[in-house]
């Protein structure tokens, strides 16, 4: 590859906040509903996910990222499906 000197390094300041997320040590299943989940089971899982987010020091950055990315799965951690 002639002419390529080097690529720019990652811009860590754009994603470093993720290291502080309360969800880093949480099973991801808390944030994503299984096929066919309804009623009390879904409410309990969403309540558990919201409890993780409630104690998270970077929840604002997470919500902003979820909304900006347009990724519905990313938004699941920050908002319940109905929200």
Protein backbone atom coordinates (compact mmCIF):
# COMPACT_ATOMS: atom_id res chain seq x y z
CA UNK A 1 0.00 0.00 0.00
CA UNK A 2 2.14 2.79 -1.20
CA UNK A 3 1.23 6.29 -0.18
CA UNK A 4 -0.39 5.34 3.13
CA UNK A 5 1.76 6.71 5.92
CA UNK A 6 -0.51 6.02 8.88
CA UNK A 7 -4.11 6.07 9.91
CA UNK A 8 -5.38 8.38 12.63
CA UNK A 9 -5.65 6.87 16.08
CA UNK A 10 -8.95 6.29 17.81
CA UNK A 11 -10.58 9.28 19.44
CA UNK A 12 -10.85 7.83 22.93
CA UNK A 13 -12.65 10.86 24.32
CA UNK A 14 -15.69 9.89 22.25
CA UNK A 15 -16.16 6.52 23.94
CA UNK A 16 -14.18 6.54 27.21
CA UNK A 17 -17.35 7.21 29.19
CA UNK A 18 -18.35 3.59 28.52
CA UNK A 19 -15.67 2.40 30.96
CA UNK A 20 -17.68 4.00 33.77
CA UNK A 21 -21.02 2.38 32.87
CA UNK A 22 -22.79 0.52 35.68
CA UNK A 23 -23.80 -2.09 33.10
CA UNK A 24 -20.24 -3.25 32.39
CA UNK A 25 -20.50 -5.98 35.02
CA UNK A 26 -24.15 -6.79 34.34
CA UNK A 27 -25.45 -9.70 32.29
CA UNK A 28 -26.59 -8.22 28.97
CA UNK A 29 -29.76 -10.35 29.09
CA UNK A 30 -31.15 -7.82 31.56
CA UNK A 31 -31.36 -5.26 28.76
CA UNK A 32 -32.71 -7.35 25.88
CA UNK A 33 -36.04 -9.15 26.00
CA UNK A 34 -36.24 -12.72 24.80
CA UNK A 35 -38.69 -13.67 22.07
CA UNK A 36 -42.23 -13.76 23.38
CA UNK A 37 -41.50 -12.18 26.77
CA UNK A 38 -44.68 -10.57 28.14
CA UNK A 39 -46.38 -9.36 31.26
CA UNK A 40 -44.81 -9.68 34.69
CA UNK A 41 -41.59 -11.26 33.40
CA UNK A 42 -40.99 -8.35 31.04
CA UNK A 43 -41.84 -5.78 33.70
CA UNK A 44 -39.43 -7.41 36.16
CA UNK A 45 -36.58 -7.50 33.62
CA UNK A 46 -37.18 -3.87 32.59
CA UNK A 47 -37.25 -2.83 36.27
CA UNK A 48 -33.90 -4.58 36.80
CA UNK A 49 -32.44 -2.81 33.76
CA UNK A 50 -33.73 0.55 34.93
CA UNK A 51 -32.23 -0.08 38.39
CA UNK A 52 -28.81 -0.53 36.78
CA UNK A 53 -29.26 2.68 34.79
CA UNK A 54 -30.52 4.56 37.86
CA UNK A 55 -27.18 4.04 39.63
CA UNK A 56 -25.06 4.70 36.55
CA UNK A 57 -22.77 7.75 36.59
CA UNK A 58 -22.80 8.03 32.78
CA UNK A 59 -26.48 7.43 32.03
CA UNK A 60 -26.81 10.81 30.30
CA UNK A 61 -23.98 10.02 27.89
CA UNK A 62 -25.46 6.55 27.32
CA UNK A 63 -28.89 7.93 26.47
CA UNK A 64 -27.38 10.52 24.14
CA UNK A 65 -25.36 7.82 22.38
CA UNK A 66 -28.40 5.54 22.08
CA UNK A 67 -30.49 8.29 20.51
CA UNK A 68 -27.73 9.53 18.21
CA UNK A 69 -26.85 6.06 16.96
CA UNK A 70 -30.41 5.24 15.94
CA UNK A 71 -29.74 1.70 17.10
CA UNK A 72 -32.86 0.33 18.80
CA UNK A 73 -30.81 -2.26 20.69
CA UNK A 74 -28.52 0.43 22.10
CA UNK A 75 -31.53 2.41 23.24
CA UNK A 76 -32.90 -0.59 25.13
CA UNK A 77 -30.41 -0.07 27.92
CA UNK A 78 -31.35 3.55 28.35
CA UNK A 79 -35.10 3.39 27.80
CA UNK A 80 -37.81 0.76 28.11
CA UNK A 81 -39.36 -0.25 24.80
CA UNK A 82 -42.57 1.67 25.55
CA UNK A 83 -40.64 4.86 26.31
